PDB file of N, CA and C in Angstrom:
ATOM      1  N   MET A   1       0.922  -4.617  -5.204  1.00  0.00           N
ATOM      2  CA  MET A   1       2.155  -4.063  -4.844  1.00  0.00           C
ATOM      3  C   MET A   1       2.682  -4.733  -3.998  1.00  0.00           C
ATOM      4  N   ARG A   2       4.014  -4.533  -3.371  1.00  0.00           N
ATOM      5  CA  ARG A   2       4.994  -5.667  -2.619  1.00  0.00           C
ATOM      6  C   ARG A   2       5.115  -4.427  -1.589  1.00  0.00           C
ATOM      7  N   VAL A   3       4.681  -5.441  -0.873  1.00  0.00           N
ATOM      8  CA  VAL A   3       5.546  -4.884   1.107  1.00  0.00           C
ATOM      9  C   VAL A   3       6.095  -5.533   1.648  1.00  0.00           C
ATOM     10  N   ARG A   4       7.126  -4.510   2.284  1.00  0.00           N
ATOM     11  CA  ARG A   4       8.443  -4.713   3.474  1.00  0.00           C
ATOM     12  C   ARG A   4       7.787  -4.243   4.787  1.00  0.00           C
ATOM     13  N   PRO A   5       7.499  -5.200   5.079  1.00  0.00           N
ATOM     14  CA  PRO A   5       7.116  -5.132   6.365  1.00  0.00           C
ATOM     15  C   PRO A   5       8.368  -5.390   7.537  1.00  0.00           C
ATOM     16  N   GLY A   6       8.246  -4.807   8.629  1.00  0.00           N
ATOM     17  CA  GLY A   6       9.734  -4.911   9.460  1.00  0.00           C
ATOM     18  C   GLY A   6      10.602  -3.626   9.047  1.00  0.00           C
ATOM     19  N   SER A   7       9.963  -2.415   8.521  1.00  0.00           N
ATOM     20  CA  SER A   7      10.810  -1.045   8.097  1.00  0.00           C
ATOM     21  C   SER A   7      10.884  -0.850   9.279  1.00  0.00           C
ATOM     22  N   GLY A   8      12.039   0.126   8.905  1.00  0.00           N
ATOM     23  CA  GLY A   8      12.622   1.249   9.660  1.00  0.00           C
ATOM     24  C   GLY A   8      11.114   2.228  10.137  1.00  0.00           C
ATOM     25  N   ARG A   9      10.848   2.844   8.988  1.00  0.00           N
ATOM     26  CA  ARG A   9       9.953   3.766   8.987  1.00  0.00           C
ATOM     27  C   ARG A   9       9.281   3.426   8.003  1.00  0.00           C
ATOM     28  N   THR A  10       7.461   3.870   7.914  1.00  0.00           N
ATOM     29  CA  THR A  10       6.886   3.985   6.732  1.00  0.00           C
ATOM     30  C   THR A  10       7.071   4.325   5.970  1.00  0.00           C
ATOM     31  N   HIS A  11       6.900   3.816   4.475  1.00  0.00           N
ATOM     32  CA  HIS A  11       7.130   4.199   3.116  1.00  0.00           C
ATOM     33  C   HIS A  11       6.447   3.754   2.079  1.00  0.00           C
ATOM     34  N   VAL A  12       5.927   5.130   1.369  1.00  0.00           N
ATOM     35  CA  VAL A  12       5.366   4.558  -0.446  1.00  0.00           C
ATOM     36  C   VAL A  12       5.536   5.421  -1.083  1.00  0.00           C
ATOM     37  N   GLY A  13       6.270   4.381  -1.503  1.00  0.00           N
ATOM     38  CA  GLY A  13       7.223   4.455  -3.561  1.00  0.00           C
ATOM     39  C   GLY A  13       8.040   3.448  -4.063  1.00  0.00           C
ATOM     40  N   GLY A  14       8.617   3.869  -4.637  1.00  0.00           N
ATOM     41  CA  GLY A  14       9.550   2.384  -5.452  1.00  0.00           C
ATOM     42  C   GLY A  14       9.072   1.754  -6.167  1.00  0.00           C
ATOM     43  N   LEU A  15       9.848   1.405  -7.063  1.00  0.00           N
ATOM     44  CA  LEU A  15       9.027  -0.024  -8.200  1.00  0.00           C
ATOM     45  C   LEU A  15       9.695  -1.258  -7.709  1.00  0.00           C
ATOM     46  N   TYR A  16       8.522  -2.120  -8.255  1.00  0.00           N
ATOM     47  CA  TYR A  16       9.533  -3.586  -7.546  1.00  0.00           C
ATOM     48  C   TYR A  16       9.809  -4.709  -8.604  1.00  0.00           C
ATOM     49  N   GLU A  17      10.317  -4.494  -9.639  1.00  0.00           N
ATOM     50  CA  GLU A  17       9.953  -5.269 -10.774  1.00  0.00           C
ATOM     51  C   GLU A  17       9.493  -7.297 -10.277  1.00  0.00           C
ATOM     52  N   GLY A  18       8.499  -7.014 -10.607  1.00  0.00           N
ATOM     53  CA  GLY A  18       8.192  -8.349  -9.877  1.00  0.00           C
ATOM     54  C   GLY A  18       7.527  -9.358 -10.774  1.00  0.00           C
ATOM     55  N   PRO A  19       7.576 -10.991 -10.673  1.00  0.00           N
ATOM     56  CA  PRO A  19       7.657 -12.277 -11.700  1.00  0.00           C
ATOM     57  C   PRO A  19       5.968 -11.639 -12.663  1.00  0.00           C
ATOM     58  N   HIS A  20       5.060 -10.932 -12.030  1.00  0.00           N
ATOM     59  CA  HIS A  20       3.758 -10.362 -12.689  1.00  0.00           C
ATOM     60  C   HIS A  20       4.027  -9.082 -13.701  1.00  0.00           C
ATOM     61  N   GLY A  21       4.597  -8.384 -13.110  1.00  0.00           N
ATOM     62  CA  GLY A  21       5.384  -7.452 -13.858  1.00  0.00           C
ATOM     63  C   GLY A  21       5.358  -6.393 -13.240  1.00  0.00           C
ATOM     64  N   PRO A  22       5.627  -4.609 -12.541  1.00  0.00           N
ATOM     65  CA  PRO A  22       6.209  -3.537 -12.009  1.00  0.00           C
ATOM     66  C   PRO A  22       4.513  -3.914 -10.903  1.00  0.00           C
ATOM     67  N   ALA A  23       5.085  -3.011  -9.481  1.00  0.00           N
ATOM     68  CA  ALA A  23       4.472  -3.373  -8.667  1.00  0.00           C
ATOM     69  C   ALA A  23       5.323  -2.425  -7.354  1.00  0.00           C
ATOM     70  N   LEU A  24       3.844  -1.470  -6.950  1.00  0.00           N
ATOM     71  CA  LEU A  24       4.582   0.267  -6.452  1.00  0.00           C
ATOM     72  C   LEU A  24       4.933  -0.435  -4.858  1.00  0.00           C
ATOM     73  N   ILE A  25       6.390  -0.463  -4.464  1.00  0.00           N
ATOM     74  CA  ILE A  25       6.494  -0.895  -2.824  1.00  0.00           C
ATOM     75  C   ILE A  25       5.828  -0.584  -1.456  1.00  0.00           C
ATOM     76  N   VAL A  26       5.558  -0.807  -1.007  1.00  0.00           N
ATOM     77  CA  VAL A  26       4.971  -0.204   0.121  1.00  0.00           C
ATOM     78  C   VAL A  26       5.724  -0.942   1.356  1.00  0.00           C
ATOM     79  N   ALA A  27       6.572  -0.176   2.455  1.00  0.00           N
ATOM     80  CA  ALA A  27       7.609  -0.108   3.498  1.00  0.00           C
ATOM     81  C   ALA A  27       6.564  -0.289   4.939  1.00  0.00           C
ATOM     82  N   VAL A  28       6.648  -0.929   5.898  1.00  0.00           N
ATOM     83  CA  VAL A  28       5.632  -0.306   6.888  1.00  0.00           C
ATOM     84  C   VAL A  28       6.691  -0.914   7.960  1.00  0.00           C
ATOM     85  N   GLY A  29       6.612  -0.319   9.252  1.00  0.00           N
ATOM     86  CA  GLY A  29       7.298  -0.734  10.308  1.00  0.00           C
ATOM     87  C   GLY A  29       6.496  -1.518  11.083  1.00  0.00           C
ATOM     88  N   ALA A  30       5.210  -3.037  10.727  1.00  0.00           N
ATOM     89  CA  ALA A  30       4.367  -3.374  11.245  1.00  0.00           C
ATOM     90  C   ALA A  30       5.324  -4.981  10.724  1.00  0.00           C
ATOM     91  N   PRO A  31       5.075  -5.658  12.085  1.00  0.00           N
ATOM     92  CA  PRO A  31       5.660  -7.487  11.706  1.00  0.00           C
ATOM     93  C   PRO A  31       4.695  -7.874  10.600  1.00  0.00           C
ATOM     94  N   ALA A  32       4.605  -9.000   9.498  1.00  0.00           N
ATOM     95  CA  ALA A  32       3.834  -9.383   9.121  1.00  0.00           C
ATOM     96  C   ALA A  32       2.854 -10.789   9.971  1.00  0.00           C
ATOM     97  N   VAL A  33       2.821 -10.388  11.116  1.00  0.00           N
ATOM     98  CA  VAL A  33       2.233 -11.412  11.914  1.00  0.00           C
ATOM     99  C   VAL A  33       0.472 -10.866  11.720  1.00  0.00           C
ATOM    100  N   ASP A  34       0.237 -11.961  12.165  1.00  0.00           N
ATOM    101  CA  ASP A  34      -1.972 -11.584  13.005  1.00  0.00           C
ATOM    102  C   ASP A  34      -1.924 -10.629  11.573  1.00  0.00           C
ATOM    103  N   GLY A  35      -2.166 -10.299  10.322  1.00  0.00           N
ATOM    104  CA  GLY A  35      -2.579  -8.954   9.431  1.00  0.00           C
ATOM    105  C   GLY A  35      -2.294  -7.028   9.254  1.00  0.00           C
ATOM    106  N   LYS A  36      -1.446  -7.422  11.088  1.00  0.00           N
ATOM    107  CA  LYS A  36      -0.713  -6.578  11.570  1.00  0.00           C
ATOM    108  C   LYS A  36       0.240  -5.505  10.022  1.00  0.00           C
ATOM    109  N   ALA A  37       0.615  -6.414   8.822  1.00  0.00           N
ATOM    110  CA  ALA A  37       1.737  -5.218   8.449  1.00  0.00           C
ATOM    111  C   ALA A  37       0.663  -5.175   6.963  1.00  0.00           C
ATOM    112  N   THR A  38      -0.840  -6.385   6.846  1.00  0.00           N
ATOM    113  CA  THR A  38      -1.296  -5.537   5.523  1.00  0.00           C
ATOM    114  C   THR A  38      -2.067  -4.990   6.627  1.00  0.00           C
ATOM    115  N   GLU A  39      -2.084  -4.209   7.899  1.00  0.00           N
ATOM    116  CA  GLU A  39      -3.395  -3.384   8.485  1.00  0.00           C
ATOM    117  C   GLU A  39      -2.902  -2.004   7.988  1.00  0.00           C
ATOM    118  N   ALA A  40      -1.780  -1.899   8.440  1.00  0.00           N
ATOM    119  CA  ALA A  40      -0.407  -0.820   8.326  1.00  0.00           C
ATOM    120  C   ALA A  40      -0.443  -0.355   6.549  1.00  0.00           C
ATOM    121  N   VAL A  41      -0.796  -1.679   5.797  1.00  0.00           N
ATOM    122  CA  VAL A  41      -0.518  -1.559   4.125  1.00  0.00           C
ATOM    123  C   VAL A  41      -1.366  -0.655   4.092  1.00  0.00           C
ATOM    124  N   ARG A  42      -2.285  -0.588   4.167  1.00  0.00           N
ATOM    125  CA  ARG A  42      -3.615  -0.763   3.939  1.00  0.00           C
ATOM    126  C   ARG A  42      -4.002   1.244   5.033  1.00  0.00           C
ATOM    127  N   ARG A  43      -3.296   1.075   5.475  1.00  0.00           N
ATOM    128  CA  ARG A  43      -3.854   2.729   6.166  1.00  0.00           C
ATOM    129  C   ARG A  43      -2.518   3.825   5.263  1.00  0.00           C
ATOM    130  N   ALA A  44      -1.267   2.971   5.548  1.00  0.00           N
ATOM    131  CA  ALA A  44      -0.245   3.644   4.818  1.00  0.00           C
ATOM    132  C   ALA A  44      -0.206   4.503   3.488  1.00  0.00           C
ATOM    133  N   LEU A  45      -1.413   3.216   2.601  1.00  0.00           N
ATOM    134  CA  LEU A  45      -1.580   3.517   1.473  1.00  0.00           C
ATOM    135  C   LEU A  45      -2.895   4.778   0.849  1.00  0.00           C
ATOM    136  N   ALA A  46      -3.484   4.983   1.887  1.00  0.00           N
ATOM    137  CA  ALA A  46      -4.708   5.298   2.387  1.00  0.00           C
ATOM    138  C   ALA A  46      -4.086   7.337   2.433  1.00  0.00           C
ATOM    139  N   ALA A  47      -3.686   6.896   3.616  1.00  0.00           N
ATOM    140  CA  ALA A  47      -2.431   8.596   3.978  1.00  0.00           C
ATOM    141  C   ALA A  47      -2.298   8.788   2.270  1.00  0.00           C
ATOM    142  N   ALA A  48      -1.521   8.339   2.234  1.00  0.00           N
ATOM    143  CA  ALA A  48      -0.374   8.772   0.805  1.00  0.00           C
ATOM    144  C   ALA A  48      -1.557   9.711  -0.126  1.00  0.00           C
ATOM    145  N   LEU A  49      -2.594   8.624  -0.524  1.00  0.00           N
ATOM    146  CA  LEU A  49      -3.504   8.942  -1.821  1.00  0.00           C
ATOM    147  C   LEU A  49      -4.374   9.764  -1.680  1.00  0.00           C
ATOM    148  N   GLY A  50      -3.989  10.496   0.088  1.00  0.00           N
ATOM    149  CA  GLY A  50      -5.412  11.569   0.354  1.00  0.00           C
ATOM    150  C   GLY A  50      -6.651  10.917   0.905  1.00  0.00           C
ATOM    151  N   VAL A  51      -6.676   9.555   1.176  1.00  0.00           N
ATOM    152  CA  VAL A  51      -8.702   9.266   1.318  1.00  0.00           C
ATOM    153  C   VAL A  51      -8.271   8.478   2.901  1.00  0.00           C
ATOM    154  N   LYS A  52      -9.426   8.077   2.703  1.00  0.00           N
ATOM    155  CA  LYS A  52      -9.876   7.566   4.188  1.00  0.00           C
ATOM    156  C   LYS A  52      -9.509   5.896   4.316  1.00  0.00           C
ATOM    157  N   ALA A  53      -8.770   5.691   5.163  1.00  0.00           N
ATOM    158  CA  ALA A  53      -8.362   4.300   5.367  1.00  0.00           C
ATOM    159  C   ALA A  53      -9.418   2.959   5.098  1.00  0.00           C
ATOM    160  N   ALA A  54     -11.190   3.700   5.186  1.00  0.00           N
ATOM    161  CA  ALA A  54     -12.379   2.776   4.655  1.00  0.00           C
ATOM    162  C   ALA A  54     -12.429   2.791   3.080  1.00  0.00           C
ATOM    163  N   ALA A  55     -11.514   3.368   2.034  1.00  0.00           N
ATOM    164  CA  ALA A  55     -11.855   3.671   1.193  1.00  0.00           C
ATOM    165  C   ALA A  55     -10.696   2.689   0.877  1.00  0.00           C
ATOM    166  N   VAL A  56      -9.575   1.759   1.326  1.00  0.00           N
ATOM    167  CA  VAL A  56      -8.839   0.956   0.682  1.00  0.00           C
ATOM    168  C   VAL A  56      -8.882  -0.286   1.114  1.00  0.00           C
ATOM    169  N   THR A  57      -9.215  -1.397   0.497  1.00  0.00           N
ATOM    170  CA  THR A  57     -10.071  -3.023   0.833  1.00  0.00           C
ATOM    171  C   THR A  57      -8.571  -3.349   0.452  1.00  0.00           C
ATOM    172  N   LEU A  58      -8.278  -4.646   1.059  1.00  0.00           N
ATOM    173  CA  LEU A  58      -7.905  -5.507   0.119  1.00  0.00           C
ATOM    174  C   LEU A  58      -8.159  -6.962  -0.451  1.00  0.00           C
ATOM    175  N   LYS A  59      -7.540  -7.300  -1.721  1.00  0.00           N
ATOM    176  CA  LYS A  59      -9.049  -7.830  -2.526  1.00  0.00           C
ATOM    177  C   LYS A  59      -7.812  -8.990  -3.169  1.00  0.00           C
ATOM    178  N   ILE A  60      -6.650  -9.024  -2.622  1.00  0.00           N
ATOM    179  CA  ILE A  60      -5.962 -10.463  -3.145  1.00  0.00           C
ATOM    180  C   ILE A  60      -4.408 -10.361  -2.264  1.00  0.00           C
ATOM    181  N   GLY A  61      -4.087 -11.079  -1.419  1.00  0.00           N
ATOM    182  CA  GLY A  61      -2.194 -11.457  -0.941  1.00  0.00           C
ATOM    183  C   GLY A  61      -3.011 -11.421   0.546  1.00  0.00           C
ATOM    184  N   ALA A  62      -3.850 -11.245   0.805  1.00  0.00           N
ATOM    185  CA  ALA A  62      -3.665 -11.357   2.849  1.00  0.00           C
ATOM    186  C   ALA A  62      -2.543 -12.071   3.497  1.00  0.00           C
ATOM    187  N   THR A  63      -2.188 -13.211   3.236  1.00  0.00           N
ATOM    188  CA  THR A  63      -1.041 -13.931   4.118  1.00  0.00           C
ATOM    189  C   THR A  63       0.299 -13.635   2.623  1.00  0.00           C
ATOM    190  N   SER A  64       0.518 -12.614   1.654  1.00  0.00           N
ATOM    191  CA  SER A  64       1.754 -12.687   1.061  1.00  0.00           C
ATOM    192  C   SER A  64       2.492 -10.977   1.331  1.00  0.00           C
ATOM    193  N   ARG A  65       3.797 -11.247   0.424  1.00  0.00           N
ATOM    194  CA  ARG A  65       3.974  -9.764   0.213  1.00  0.00           C
ATOM    195  C   ARG A  65       4.144  -9.121  -1.023  1.00  0.00           C
ATOM    196  N   ASP A  66       2.726  -9.817  -1.936  1.00  0.00           N
ATOM    197  CA  ASP A  66       2.601  -9.340  -3.332  1.00  0.00           C
ATOM    198  C   ASP A  66       0.736  -8.921  -2.936  1.00  0.00           C
ATOM    199  N   LYS A  67       0.127  -7.606  -2.852  1.00  0.00           N
ATOM    200  CA  LYS A  67      -0.745  -7.514  -2.290  1.00  0.00           C
ATOM    201  C   LYS A  67      -2.423  -6.774  -3.475  1.00  0.00           C
ATOM    202  N   VAL A  68      -3.020  -6.691  -4.162  1.00  0.00           N
ATOM    203  CA  VAL A  68      -3.860  -6.286  -4.458  1.00  0.00           C
ATOM    204  C   VAL A  68      -4.815  -5.618  -3.697  1.00  0.00           C
ATOM    205  N   PHE A  69      -5.034  -4.074  -3.559  1.00  0.00           N
ATOM    206  CA  PHE A  69      -5.890  -3.160  -3.058  1.00  0.00           C
ATOM    207  C   PHE A  69      -6.784  -2.405  -4.226  1.00  0.00           C
ATOM    208  N   THR A  70      -7.719  -2.104  -3.547  1.00  0.00           N
ATOM    209  CA  THR A  70      -9.204  -1.040  -4.727  1.00  0.00           C
ATOM    210  C   THR A  70      -9.382  -0.026  -3.496  1.00  0.00           C
ATOM    211  N   VAL A  71      -9.421   0.885  -4.522  1.00  0.00           N
ATOM    212  CA  VAL A  71      -9.573   2.421  -3.310  1.00  0.00           C
ATOM    213  C   VAL A  71     -10.520   2.751  -4.171  1.00  0.00           C
ATOM    214  N   THR A  72     -11.654   3.565  -3.546  1.00  0.00           N
ATOM    215  CA  THR A  72     -12.879   3.789  -3.676  1.00  0.00           C
ATOM    216  C   THR A  72     -13.229   5.151  -3.560  1.00  0.00           C
ATOM    217  N   GLY A  73     -13.675   5.934  -4.253  1.00  0.00           N
ATOM    218  CA  GLY A  73     -13.594   7.629  -3.763  1.00  0.00           C
ATOM    219  C   GLY A  73     -13.648   8.519  -4.415  1.00  0.00           C
ATOM    220  N   ASP A  74     -12.840   9.415  -5.005  1.00  0.00           N
ATOM    221  CA  ASP A  74     -12.827  10.658  -5.430  1.00  0.00           C
ATOM    222  C   ASP A  74     -11.642  10.311  -6.647  1.00  0.00           C
ATOM    223  N   VAL A  75     -11.588  10.088  -7.776  1.00  0.00           N
ATOM    224  CA  VAL A  75     -10.716  10.037  -8.921  1.00  0.00           C
ATOM    225  C   VAL A  75      -9.817  10.197  -9.011  1.00  0.00           C
ATOM    226  N   ASP A  76     -10.204  11.632  -8.880  1.00  0.00           N
ATOM    227  CA  ASP A  76      -9.631  12.975  -9.574  1.00  0.00           C
ATOM    228  C   ASP A  76      -8.262  13.011  -8.299  1.00  0.00           C
ATOM    229  N   ARG A  77      -8.523  12.849  -6.604  1.00  0.00           N
ATOM    230  CA  ARG A  77      -7.766  13.078  -5.595  1.00  0.00           C
ATOM    231  C   ARG A  77      -7.192  11.588  -5.603  1.00  0.00           C
ATOM    232  N   VAL A  78      -7.224  10.526  -6.040  1.00  0.00           N
ATOM    233  CA  VAL A  78      -6.497   9.204  -6.136  1.00  0.00           C
ATOM    234  C   VAL A  78      -5.548   8.846  -7.313  1.00  0.00           C
ATOM    235  N   VAL A  79      -5.978   9.667  -8.556  1.00  0.00           N
ATOM    236  CA  VAL A  79      -4.698  10.110  -9.436  1.00  0.00           C
ATOM    237  C   VAL A  79      -3.554  10.666  -8.591  1.00  0.00           C
ATOM    238  N   ALA A  80      -3.950  11.722  -8.281  1.00  0.00           N
ATOM    239  CA  ALA A  80      -3.161  13.273  -8.000  1.00  0.00           C
ATOM    240  C   ALA A  80      -2.408  12.476  -6.654  1.00  0.00           C
ATOM    241  N   GLY A  81      -2.834  12.336  -5.656  1.00  0.00           N
ATOM    242  CA  GLY A  81      -2.265  11.499  -4.678  1.00  0.00           C
ATOM    243  C   GLY A  81      -0.812  10.662  -5.295  1.00  0.00           C
ATOM    244  N   LEU A  82      -1.263   9.599  -6.257  1.00  0.00           N
ATOM    245  CA  LEU A  82      -0.097   8.711  -6.706  1.00  0.00           C
ATOM    246  C   LEU A  82       0.799   9.977  -7.891  1.00  0.00           C
ATOM    247  N   ARG A  83       0.661  10.446  -7.993  1.00  0.00           N
ATOM    248  CA  ARG A  83       1.760  11.405  -8.742  1.00  0.00           C
ATOM    249  C   ARG A  83       2.505  12.702  -7.358  1.00  0.00           C
ATOM    250  N   ASP A  84       1.430  13.398  -7.094  1.00  0.00           N
ATOM    251  CA  ASP A  84       2.776  13.717  -6.130  1.00  0.00           C
ATOM    252  C   ASP A  84       3.716  12.645  -5.371  1.00  0.00           C
ATOM    253  N   GLY A  85       3.240  11.274  -4.972  1.00  0.00           N
ATOM    254  CA  GLY A  85       4.317  10.763  -4.444  1.00  0.00           C
ATOM    255  C   GLY A  85       4.149  10.999  -3.224  1.00  0.00           C
ATOM    256  N   SER A  86       3.027  11.093  -2.096  1.00  0.00           N
ATOM    257  CA  SER A  86       2.886  11.242  -1.078  1.00  0.00           C
ATOM    258  C   SER A  86       3.244   9.777  -0.131  1.00  0.00           C
ATOM    259  N   SER A  87       4.127  10.136   0.390  1.00  0.00           N
ATOM    260  CA  SER A  87       3.712   9.327   2.204  1.00  0.00           C
ATOM    261  C   SER A  87       4.105   9.612   3.459  1.00  0.00           C
TER     262      SER A  87
END
């Protein structure tokens, strides 16, 4: 996914056409300092997917705007959250 830190509001949605292919955009109000934006993204993604924050884990990109997270839990619920476009 592509992170937009320091945004006016938290929003999960949109498409970023990056060098590695398309990515989901997650905008958060937290600054990109000391992992604050990454933690805000993790929580926003969990809320959008309808899972607990503990179910979302950063795998790649701790200091990058481009990140990869894994999500554990009920696959049907996660897919439904993606389809609903909740944010």
